[in-house]
């Protein structure tokens, strides 16, 4: 696995948002991940590429904030968020993508029926009744043991089927059965301990509608 293989669409979205917002907290709100997860991803990139990808600045008209380093800017402009590259990466237990196919239902709250009673709210347009492909980054899924107030449009009860071994990067990938679909979520090792995650345990998955990206379905057009 090369260093570029470690860069996901979430990493690129985070870096580009930091560049625009000059704030990690604001970037987290924009792309829909927690601050702890963002800090983890920034530190992981720094370890993988041998240097910091963001730095703090003080003073000036903007009263300080966070900006990209030259390395961070190169990664953000590298195009690693292309669907083609994500699809071309070898699937590994570290970060397997979630790919789904379902029928689009339009209206004020568009959603995709993916089977097994699972209906996912989405934020992209399509023709009503059209079959579409979906891609969901495991890092875009928030895992909890019980429901709590959230702006996420998708709140999915599920059950843990498997925990993949710790690859030594401070995180685990878990497989959760939710409404007939098997979804993989990336969590930190601390989260596994804090939530007592284990096979057979019930969990709740939170997914923002904007995190579900439309991609070409297998054997078909986008």
C-alpha atoms as a PDB file:
ATOM      1  CA  UNK A   1       0.000   0.000   0.000  1.00  0.00           C
ATOM      2  CA  UNK A   2       1.442   3.365  -1.025  1.00  0.00           C
ATOM      3  CA  UNK A   3       1.090   6.591   0.907  1.00  0.00           C
ATOM      4  CA  UNK A   4      -1.440   7.813  -1.644  1.00  0.00           C
ATOM      5  CA  UNK A   5      -3.582   4.738  -0.939  1.00  0.00           C
ATOM      6  CA  UNK A   6      -4.025   6.004   2.622  1.00  0.00           C
ATOM      7  CA  UNK A   7      -5.724   9.186   1.382  1.00  0.00           C
ATOM      8  CA  UNK A   8      -9.503   8.856   1.246  1.00  0.00           C
ATOM      9  CA  UNK A   9     -12.202  11.166  -0.061  1.00  0.00           C
ATOM     10  CA  UNK A  10     -12.920  12.195   3.540  1.00  0.00           C
ATOM     11  CA  UNK A  11      -9.285  13.266   4.002  1.00  0.00           C
ATOM     12  CA  UNK A  12      -9.380  15.429   0.886  1.00  0.00           C
ATOM     13  CA  UNK A  13     -12.759  16.926   1.789  1.00  0.00           C
ATOM     14  CA  UNK A  14     -11.438  17.757   5.270  1.00  0.00           C
ATOM     15  CA  UNK A  15      -8.286  19.439   3.961  1.00  0.00           C
ATOM     16  CA  UNK A  16     -10.164  21.447   1.356  1.00  0.00           C
ATOM     17  CA  UNK A  17     -12.709  22.560   3.943  1.00  0.00           C
ATOM     18  CA  UNK A  18      -9.945  23.615   6.351  1.00  0.00           C
ATOM     19  CA  UNK A  19      -8.408  25.650   3.520  1.00  0.00           C
ATOM     20  CA  UNK A  20     -11.727  27.439   2.973  1.00  0.00           C
ATOM     21  CA  UNK A  21     -12.847  27.834   6.569  1.00  0.00           C
ATOM     22  CA  UNK A  22      -9.431  28.271   8.258  1.00  0.00           C
ATOM     23  CA  UNK A  23     -10.854  26.206  11.119  1.00  0.00           C
ATOM     24  CA  UNK A  24     -10.876  22.472  11.892  1.00  0.00           C
ATOM     25  CA  UNK A  25     -14.111  22.827  13.885  1.00  0.00           C
ATOM     26  CA  UNK A  26     -15.875  24.628  11.013  1.00  0.00           C
ATOM     27  CA  UNK A  27     -14.544  22.040   8.555  1.00  0.00           C
ATOM     28  CA  UNK A  28     -15.967  19.246  10.727  1.00  0.00           C
ATOM     29  CA  UNK A  29     -19.392  20.864  10.654  1.00  0.00           C
ATOM     30  CA  UNK A  30     -19.213  21.306   6.892  1.00  0.00           C
ATOM     31  CA  UNK A  31     -18.322  17.705   6.013  1.00  0.00           C
ATOM     32  CA  UNK A  32     -20.154  16.019   8.889  1.00  0.00           C
ATOM     33  CA  UNK A  33     -17.495  14.364  11.062  1.00  0.00           C
ATOM     34  CA  UNK A  34     -16.507  14.821  14.704  1.00  0.00           C
ATOM     35  CA  UNK A  35     -13.520  16.925  15.774  1.00  0.00           C
ATOM     36  CA  UNK A  36     -11.841  13.883  17.339  1.00  0.00           C
ATOM     37  CA  UNK A  37     -12.123  11.986  14.070  1.00  0.00           C
ATOM     38  CA  UNK A  38     -10.766  14.972  12.125  1.00  0.00           C
ATOM     39  CA  UNK A  39      -7.754  15.296  14.440  1.00  0.00           C
ATOM     40  CA  UNK A  40      -7.088  11.588  14.095  1.00  0.00           C
ATOM     41  CA  UNK A  41      -7.187  11.812  10.297  1.00  0.00           C
ATOM     42  CA  UNK A  42      -4.862  14.828  10.211  1.00  0.00           C
ATOM     43  CA  UNK A  43      -2.382  13.072  12.495  1.00  0.00           C
ATOM     44  CA  UNK A  44      -2.577   9.892  10.397  1.00  0.00           C
ATOM     45  CA  UNK A  45      -1.754  11.851   7.248  1.00  0.00           C
ATOM     46  CA  UNK A  46       1.151  13.547   9.019  1.00  0.00           C
ATOM     47  CA  UNK A  47       2.589  10.173  10.026  1.00  0.00           C
ATOM     48  CA  UNK A  48       2.076   8.685   6.571  1.00  0.00           C
ATOM     49  CA  UNK A  49       3.605  11.609   4.655  1.00  0.00           C
ATOM     50  CA  UNK A  50       6.314  12.563   7.157  1.00  0.00           C
ATOM     51  CA  UNK A  51       5.164  16.039   8.130  1.00  0.00           C
ATOM     52  CA  UNK A  52       2.207  18.146   9.345  1.00  0.00           C
ATOM     53  CA  UNK A  53      -0.600  18.848   6.900  1.00  0.00           C
ATOM     54  CA  UNK A  54      -2.061  21.788   8.851  1.00  0.00           C
ATOM     55  CA  UNK A  55      -0.646  24.513  11.076  1.00  0.00           C
ATOM     56  CA  UNK A  56      -2.076  27.136  13.380  1.00  0.00           C
ATOM     57  CA  UNK A  57      -1.736  30.845  12.636  1.00  0.00           C
ATOM     58  CA  UNK A  58      -2.205  33.774  15.001  1.00  0.00           C
ATOM     59  CA  UNK A  59      -3.276  37.371  14.684  1.00  0.00           C
ATOM     60  CA  UNK A  60      -4.129  39.356  11.588  1.00  0.00           C
ATOM     61  CA  UNK A  61      -7.564  40.368  10.347  1.00  0.00           C
ATOM     62  CA  UNK A  62      -8.845  36.816  10.705  1.00  0.00           C
ATOM     63  CA  UNK A  63      -7.643  36.577  14.349  1.00  0.00           C
ATOM     64  CA  UNK A  64      -5.806  33.355  13.666  1.00  0.00           C
ATOM     65  CA  UNK A  65      -7.007  29.905  12.751  1.00  0.00           C
ATOM     66  CA  UNK A  66      -5.775  26.802  10.953  1.00  0.00           C
ATOM     67  CA  UNK A  67      -4.304  26.655   7.455  1.00  0.00           C
ATOM     68  CA  UNK A  68      -2.807  23.962   5.247  1.00  0.00           C
ATOM     69  CA  UNK A  69       0.918  23.436   5.091  1.00  0.00           C
ATOM     70  CA  UNK A  70       2.560  23.054   1.687  1.00  0.00           C
ATOM     71  CA  UNK A  71       2.289  19.276   2.137  1.00  0.00           C
ATOM     72  CA  UNK A  72      -1.386  19.508   3.072  1.00  0.00           C
ATOM     73  CA  UNK A  73      -2.070  21.680   0.056  1.00  0.00           C
ATOM     74  CA  UNK A  74      -0.358  19.171  -2.259  1.00  0.00           C
ATOM     75  CA  UNK A  75      -2.458  16.338  -0.837  1.00  0.00           C
ATOM     76  CA  UNK A  76      -5.666  18.399  -1.142  1.00  0.00           C
ATOM     77  CA  UNK A  77      -4.898  19.166  -4.786  1.00  0.00           C
ATOM     78  CA  UNK A  78      -3.798  15.627  -5.606  1.00  0.00           C
ATOM     79  CA  UNK A  79      -7.192  14.405  -6.808  1.00  0.00           C
ATOM     80  CA  UNK A  80      -7.212  11.449  -4.420  1.00  0.00           C
ATOM     81  CA  UNK A  81     -10.950  11.926  -3.888  1.00  0.00           C
ATOM     82  CA  UNK A  82     -11.871  10.679  -7.365  1.00  0.00           C
ATOM     83  CA  UNK A  83     -14.365   7.840  -7.389  1.00  0.00           C
ATOM     84  CA  UNK A  84     -12.211   6.062  -9.958  1.00  0.00           C
ATOM     85  CA  UNK A  85      -9.239   5.882  -7.573  1.00  0.00           C
ATOM     86  CA  UNK A  86     -11.403   4.742  -4.670  1.00  0.00           C
ATOM     87  CA  UNK A  87     -12.860   1.992  -6.815  1.00  0.00           C
ATOM     88  CA  UNK A  88      -9.407   0.995  -8.070  1.00  0.00           C
ATOM     89  CA  UNK A  89      -7.871   0.593  -4.617  1.00  0.00           C
ATOM     90  CA  UNK A  90      -7.516  -2.999  -3.422  1.00  0.00           C
ATOM     91  CA  UNK A  91     -10.178  -3.653  -0.780  1.00  0.00           C
ATOM     92  CA  UNK A  92      -8.559  -4.184   2.620  1.00  0.00           C
ATOM     93  CA  UNK A  93      -9.955  -4.752   6.123  1.00  0.00           C
ATOM     94  CA  UNK A  94      -8.459  -1.331   7.027  1.00  0.00           C
ATOM     95  CA  UNK A  95     -10.801   0.807   4.989  1.00  0.00           C
ATOM     96  CA  UNK A  96     -13.196  -1.150   2.746  1.00  0.00           C
ATOM     97  CA  UNK A  97     -15.686   1.130   0.981  1.00  0.00           C
ATOM     98  CA  UNK A  98     -19.409   0.575   1.300  1.00  0.00           C
ATOM     99  CA  UNK A  99     -21.002   0.172  -2.142  1.00  0.00           C
ATOM    100  CA  UNK A 100     -24.753  -0.144  -2.440  1.00  0.00           C
ATOM    101  CA  UNK A 101     -27.306  -0.237  -5.237  1.00  0.00           C
ATOM    102  CA  UNK A 102     -30.924   0.838  -4.884  1.00  0.00           C
ATOM    103  CA  UNK A 103     -33.924   2.550  -6.399  1.00  0.00           C
ATOM    104  CA  UNK A 104     -34.140   6.339  -6.176  1.00  0.00           C
ATOM    105  CA  UNK A 105     -37.297   7.908  -4.785  1.00  0.00           C
ATOM    106  CA  UNK A 106     -37.602  11.640  -5.327  1.00  0.00           C
ATOM    107  CA  UNK A 107     -39.600  14.298  -3.538  1.00  0.00           C
ATOM    108  CA  UNK A 108     -38.888  16.844  -0.798  1.00  0.00           C
ATOM    109  CA  UNK A 109     -36.807  14.219   1.052  1.00  0.00           C
ATOM    110  CA  UNK A 110     -35.179  12.025  -1.633  1.00  0.00           C
ATOM    111  CA  UNK A 111     -34.074   8.559  -0.626  1.00  0.00           C
ATOM    112  CA  UNK A 112     -32.755   5.328  -2.079  1.00  0.00           C
ATOM    113  CA  UNK A 113     -34.338   1.952  -1.352  1.00  0.00           C
ATOM    114  CA  UNK A 114     -31.482  -0.541  -1.096  1.00  0.00           C
ATOM    115  CA  UNK A 115     -33.471  -3.625  -0.094  1.00  0.00           C
ATOM    116  CA  UNK A 116     -34.145  -5.422   3.148  1.00  0.00           C
ATOM    117  CA  UNK A 117     -36.352  -2.558   4.262  1.00  0.00           C
ATOM    118  CA  UNK A 118     -33.422  -0.127   4.316  1.00  0.00           C
ATOM    119  CA  UNK A 119     -34.143   3.331   2.915  1.00  0.00           C
ATOM    120  CA  UNK A 120     -31.325   5.878   2.884  1.00  0.00           C
ATOM    121  CA  UNK A 121     -31.868   9.619   2.675  1.00  0.00           C
ATOM    122  CA  UNK A 122     -29.608  11.214   0.056  1.00  0.00           C
ATOM    123  CA  UNK A 123     -28.795  14.755  -1.111  1.00  0.00           C
ATOM    124  CA  UNK A 124     -28.280  14.243  -4.862  1.00  0.00           C
ATOM    125  CA  UNK A 125     -30.858  14.445  -7.671  1.00  0.00           C
ATOM    126  CA  UNK A 126     -31.864  11.564  -9.945  1.00  0.00           C
ATOM    127  CA  UNK A 127     -34.868  10.338 -11.871  1.00  0.00           C
ATOM    128  CA  UNK A 128     -37.648   8.913  -9.739  1.00  0.00           C
ATOM    129  CA  UNK A 129     -37.515   5.116  -9.918  1.00  0.00           C
ATOM    130  CA  UNK A 130     -33.987   5.085 -11.368  1.00  0.00           C
ATOM    131  CA  UNK A 131     -31.507   2.466 -10.155  1.00  0.00           C
ATOM    132  CA  UNK A 132     -28.442   4.211  -8.718  1.00  0.00           C
ATOM    133  CA  UNK A 133     -25.144   3.218  -7.128  1.00  0.00           C
ATOM    134  CA  UNK A 134     -24.008   4.598  -3.769  1.00  0.00           C
ATOM    135  CA  UNK A 135     -20.607   4.930  -2.138  1.00  0.00           C
ATOM    136  CA  UNK A 136     -20.285   5.532   1.610  1.00  0.00           C
ATOM    137  CA  UNK A 137     -16.918   6.154   3.264  1.00  0.00           C
ATOM    138  CA  UNK A 138     -16.598   4.090   6.478  1.00  0.00           C
ATOM    139  CA  UNK A 139     -15.229   7.215   8.190  1.00  0.00           C
ATOM    140  CA  UNK A 140     -18.479   9.061   7.488  1.00  0.00           C
ATOM    141  CA  UNK A 141     -20.447   6.715   9.774  1.00  0.00           C
ATOM    142  CA  UNK A 142     -20.885   7.608  13.436  1.00  0.00           C
ATOM    143  CA  UNK A 143     -21.417   4.613  15.739  1.00  0.00           C
ATOM    144  CA  UNK A 144     -23.311   4.827  19.040  1.00  0.00           C
ATOM    145  CA  UNK A 145     -24.863   2.327  21.440  1.00  0.00           C
ATOM    146  CA  UNK A 146     -28.129   4.261  21.726  1.00  0.00           C
ATOM    147  CA  UNK A 147     -30.054   7.021  19.984  1.00  0.00           C
ATOM    148  CA  UNK A 148     -29.309  10.678  20.651  1.00  0.00           C
ATOM    149  CA  UNK A 149     -30.405  13.984  19.039  1.00  0.00           C
ATOM    150  CA  UNK A 150     -28.561  14.479  15.754  1.00  0.00           C
ATOM    151  CA  UNK A 151     -28.853  16.351  12.462  1.00  0.00           C
ATOM    152  CA  UNK A 152     -27.999  13.164  10.551  1.00  0.00           C
ATOM    153  CA  UNK A 153     -30.842  12.207   8.191  1.00  0.00           C
ATOM    154  CA  UNK A 154     -30.094   8.494   8.467  1.00  0.00           C
ATOM    155  CA  UNK A 155     -30.376   6.836  11.876  1.00  0.00           C
ATOM    156  CA  UNK A 156     -29.929   3.094  11.392  1.00  0.00           C
ATOM    157  CA  UNK A 157     -30.332   0.462  14.117  1.00  0.00           C
ATOM    158  CA  UNK A 158     -27.958  -2.429  13.551  1.00  0.00           C
ATOM    159  CA  UNK A 159     -25.966  -5.258  15.071  1.00  0.00           C
ATOM    160  CA  UNK A 160     -22.204  -5.717  15.031  1.00  0.00           C
ATOM    161  CA  UNK A 161     -21.235  -8.793  13.019  1.00  0.00           C
ATOM    162  CA  UNK A 162     -17.453  -8.500  13.041  1.00  0.00           C
ATOM    163  CA  UNK A 163     -14.521  -6.436  14.280  1.00  0.00           C
ATOM    164  CA  UNK A 164     -11.492  -6.463  12.004  1.00  0.00           C
ATOM    165  CA  UNK A 165      -8.042  -6.731  13.631  1.00  0.00           C
ATOM    166  CA  UNK A 166      -6.278  -3.527  14.671  1.00  0.00           C
ATOM    167  CA  UNK A 167      -3.797  -2.688  11.854  1.00  0.00           C
ATOM    168  CA  UNK A 168      -1.690  -0.627  14.254  1.00  0.00           C
ATOM    169  CA  UNK A 169      -3.000   2.798  13.192  1.00  0.00           C
ATOM    170  CA  UNK A 170      -5.144   3.412  16.250  1.00  0.00           C
ATOM    171  CA  UNK A 171      -8.438   2.470  14.669  1.00  0.00           C
ATOM    172  CA  UNK A 172     -10.660  -0.524  13.947  1.00  0.00           C
ATOM    173  CA  UNK A 173     -13.124  -1.328  11.188  1.00  0.00           C
ATOM    174  CA  UNK A 174     -16.392  -2.937  12.249  1.00  0.00           C
ATOM    175  CA  UNK A 175     -19.026  -4.649  10.110  1.00  0.00           C
ATOM    176  CA  UNK A 176     -22.623  -3.851  11.083  1.00  0.00           C
ATOM    177  CA  UNK A 177     -25.778  -5.465   9.716  1.00  0.00           C
ATOM    178  CA  UNK A 178     -28.401  -2.718   9.298  1.00  0.00           C
ATOM    179  CA  UNK A 179     -31.708  -3.315   7.556  1.00  0.00           C
ATOM    180  CA  UNK A 180     -30.410  -6.119   5.376  1.00  0.00           C
ATOM    181  CA  UNK A 181     -27.205  -4.300   4.345  1.00  0.00           C
ATOM    182  CA  UNK A 182     -23.734  -4.972   5.698  1.00  0.00           C
ATOM    183  CA  UNK A 183     -22.027  -1.638   6.372  1.00  0.00           C
ATOM    184  CA  UNK A 184     -18.439  -1.097   7.457  1.00  0.00           C
ATOM    185  CA  UNK A 185     -17.659   1.746   9.842  1.00  0.00           C
ATOM    186  CA  UNK A 186     -14.251   3.044  10.901  1.00  0.00           C
ATOM    187  CA  UNK A 187     -13.840   3.830  14.615  1.00  0.00           C
ATOM    188  CA  UNK A 188     -10.905   4.469  16.907  1.00  0.00           C
ATOM    189  CA  UNK A 189      -9.650   1.780  19.261  1.00  0.00           C
ATOM    190  CA  UNK A 190     -10.678   4.066  22.118  1.00  0.00           C
ATOM    191  CA  UNK A 191     -14.254   4.050  20.782  1.00  0.00           C
ATOM    192  CA  UNK A 192     -14.280   0.257  20.668  1.00  0.00           C
ATOM    193  CA  UNK A 193     -13.320   0.154  24.353  1.00  0.00           C
ATOM    194  CA  UNK A 194     -15.584   3.015  25.446  1.00  0.00           C
ATOM    195  CA  UNK A 195     -18.673   1.598  23.716  1.00  0.00           C
ATOM    196  CA  UNK A 196     -17.779  -2.026  24.484  1.00  0.00           C
ATOM    197  CA  UNK A 197     -18.208  -2.928  20.821  1.00  0.00           C
ATOM    198  CA  UNK A 198     -18.247  -6.644  20.088  1.00  0.00           C
ATOM    199  CA  UNK A 199     -19.919  -9.061  17.696  1.00  0.00           C
ATOM    200  CA  UNK A 200     -23.584  -9.444  18.570  1.00  0.00           C
ATOM    201  CA  UNK A 201     -23.936  -6.044  20.244  1.00  0.00           C
ATOM    202  CA  UNK A 202     -26.689  -3.685  19.096  1.00  0.00           C
ATOM    203  CA  UNK A 203     -25.599  -0.262  17.832  1.00  0.00           C
ATOM    204  CA  UNK A 204     -27.049   2.776  16.071  1.00  0.00           C
ATOM    205  CA  UNK A 205     -25.394   4.203  12.947  1.00  0.00           C
ATOM    206  CA  UNK A 206     -25.671   7.896  12.074  1.00  0.00           C
ATOM    207  CA  UNK A 207     -25.065   8.908   8.452  1.00  0.00           C
ATOM    208  CA  UNK A 208     -25.548  12.345   6.900  1.00  0.00           C
ATOM    209  CA  UNK A 209     -27.410  12.431   3.589  1.00  0.00           C
ATOM    210  CA  UNK A 210     -24.488  14.301   1.995  1.00  0.00           C
ATOM    211  CA  UNK A 211     -22.119  11.438   2.912  1.00  0.00           C
ATOM    212  CA  UNK A 212     -23.880   9.102   0.446  1.00  0.00           C
ATOM    213  CA  UNK A 213     -22.273   9.734  -2.937  1.00  0.00           C
ATOM    214  CA  UNK A 214     -23.710   8.651  -6.226  1.00  0.00           C
ATOM    215  CA  UNK A 215     -21.385   6.437  -8.295  1.00  0.00           C
ATOM    216  CA  UNK A 216     -21.648   4.178 -11.309  1.00  0.00           C
ATOM    217  CA  UNK A 217     -23.517   1.009 -10.410  1.00  0.00           C
ATOM    218  CA  UNK A 218     -21.883  -2.306 -11.313  1.00  0.00           C
ATOM    219  CA  UNK A 219     -22.492  -3.015 -14.992  1.00  0.00           C
ATOM    220  CA  UNK A 220     -24.383   0.229 -15.505  1.00  0.00           C
ATOM    221  CA  UNK A 221     -24.082   3.951 -15.955  1.00  0.00           C
ATOM    222  CA  UNK A 222     -23.967   6.530 -13.111  1.00  0.00           C
END
